[in-house]
Amino acid sequence: MPCELQRLLAYMQEADAAALPTEALTRSFNWEDGQELVQHDLHELTRILFDNIEMHSPAGPLKTIIPRLYQGSTVNQVVCGECGKDSSREESFCDLTVPVDGIR
């Protein structure tokens, strides 16, 4: 999939056309059961792309580039309201949910 995406982006940069075919890129996702006909959001695309890049990268620095660039960690803490005892757990994440005022 990374190769097909790179090829499509190169065509887009060089082509003097209003539209370009994306069938090769779509096939590279290996979707089944009509998934290519379902609208997918950017979050799904990045997860699929990142997983594919990691899967097809050779061992070495490129293999870990996605986690190094996009992964973070957070600590979830729960405090008992009665006794005050707390429990915390560190979790890694690759996406953030950001609340925006006025948007539900």
Protein backbone atom coordinates (compact mmCIF):
# COMPACT_ATOMS: atom_id res chain seq x y z
CA MET A 1 0.00 0.00 0.00
CA PRO A 2 2.73 2.57 0.73
CA CYS A 3 4.09 2.10 -2.80
CA GLU A 4 0.68 2.64 -4.39
CA LEU A 5 0.10 5.77 -2.30
CA GLN A 6 3.54 7.10 -3.25
CA ARG A 7 2.82 6.34 -6.91
CA LEU A 8 -0.54 8.15 -6.79
CA LEU A 9 0.97 11.21 -5.08
CA ALA A 10 3.72 11.35 -7.72
CA TYR A 11 1.12 11.14 -10.50
CA MET A 12 -0.90 13.91 -8.85
CA GLN A 13 2.16 16.12 -8.71
CA GLU A 14 3.16 15.55 -12.33
CA ALA A 15 -0.16 15.01 -14.12
CA ASP A 16 -2.00 17.76 -15.88
CA ALA A 17 -5.40 16.21 -15.21
CA ALA A 18 -8.48 17.12 -13.20
CA ALA A 19 -8.75 13.58 -11.79
CA LEU A 20 -6.68 10.41 -11.61
CA PRO A 21 -7.72 6.78 -11.13
CA THR A 22 -7.30 5.38 -7.62
CA GLU A 23 -8.19 1.73 -8.24
CA ALA A 24 -4.62 0.48 -7.64
CA LEU A 25 -4.46 2.25 -4.29
CA THR A 26 -7.90 0.97 -3.33
CA ARG A 27 -6.92 -2.61 -4.24
CA SER A 28 -3.78 -2.29 -2.11
CA PHE A 29 -5.95 -1.94 1.02
CA ASN A 30 -7.05 -5.59 0.54
CA TRP A 31 -10.57 -4.80 1.69
CA GLU A 32 -13.19 -7.51 1.48
CA ASP A 33 -16.98 -7.69 1.57
CA GLY A 34 -17.55 -4.36 -0.17
CA GLN A 35 -15.41 -2.31 2.23
CA GLU A 36 -14.10 -0.31 -0.73
CA LEU A 37 -17.65 1.00 -1.19
CA VAL A 38 -17.90 2.28 2.40
CA GLN A 39 -16.78 5.79 3.25
CA HIS A 40 -13.78 5.75 5.58
CA ASP A 41 -12.48 8.68 7.58
CA LEU A 42 -8.97 10.07 7.89
CA HIS A 43 -8.40 8.32 11.20
CA GLU A 44 -9.01 4.93 9.60
CA LEU A 45 -6.74 5.80 6.68
CA THR A 46 -3.85 6.79 8.92
CA ARG A 47 -4.19 3.66 11.06
CA ILE A 48 -4.23 1.41 7.97
CA LEU A 49 -1.36 3.33 6.36
CA PHE A 50 0.78 3.34 9.53
CA ASP A 51 0.17 -0.37 10.15
CA ASN A 52 1.10 -1.12 6.55
CA ILE A 53 4.27 0.97 6.68
CA GLU A 54 5.40 -0.78 9.87
CA MET A 55 4.53 -4.21 8.45
CA HIS A 56 6.46 -3.69 5.19
CA SER A 57 9.45 -1.77 6.53
CA PRO A 58 12.77 -3.57 6.83
CA ALA A 59 14.38 -3.91 10.25
CA GLY A 60 16.21 -0.79 11.34
CA PRO A 61 15.34 2.84 12.06
CA LEU A 62 12.50 3.00 9.51
CA LYS A 63 10.73 0.11 11.26
CA THR A 64 10.14 2.27 14.35
CA ILE A 65 9.58 5.65 12.71
CA ILE A 66 5.78 5.68 13.16
CA PRO A 67 5.85 5.11 16.93
CA ARG A 68 8.75 7.53 17.34
CA LEU A 69 6.88 10.27 15.47
CA TYR A 70 3.25 9.66 16.42
CA GLN A 71 3.10 7.69 19.65
CA GLY A 72 2.78 9.24 23.08
CA SER A 73 1.84 8.12 26.54
CA THR A 74 -0.57 9.26 29.19
CA VAL A 75 -1.14 8.31 32.78
CA ASN A 76 -4.70 7.50 33.85
CA GLN A 77 -5.24 8.02 37.55
CA VAL A 78 -8.24 7.06 39.68
CA VAL A 79 -8.59 8.31 43.26
CA CYS A 80 -11.05 6.72 45.69
CA GLY A 81 -13.44 9.33 47.02
CA GLU A 82 -13.76 7.53 50.36
CA CYS A 83 -10.26 6.48 51.39
CA GLY A 84 -8.17 8.64 49.06
CA LYS A 85 -6.18 5.67 47.72
CA ASP A 86 -5.10 6.16 44.13
CA SER A 87 -4.30 3.86 41.27
CA SER A 88 -2.50 4.91 38.12
CA ARG A 89 -1.71 3.23 34.84
CA GLU A 90 0.41 4.42 31.90
CA GLU A 91 -1.05 3.88 28.42
CA SER A 92 0.38 4.57 25.00
CA PHE A 93 -1.65 6.27 22.27
CA CYS A 94 -1.33 7.23 18.62
CA ASP A 95 -4.42 9.47 18.36
CA LEU A 96 -5.84 12.21 20.47
CA THR A 97 -9.43 13.22 20.98
CA VAL A 98 -9.54 16.99 21.28
CA PRO A 99 -12.72 18.68 22.51
CA VAL A 100 -13.64 21.85 20.63
CA ASP A 101 -15.82 24.45 22.34
CA GLY A 102 -19.26 24.72 20.77
CA ILE A 103 -18.94 21.45 18.83
CA ARG A 104 -20.60 18.27 20.08
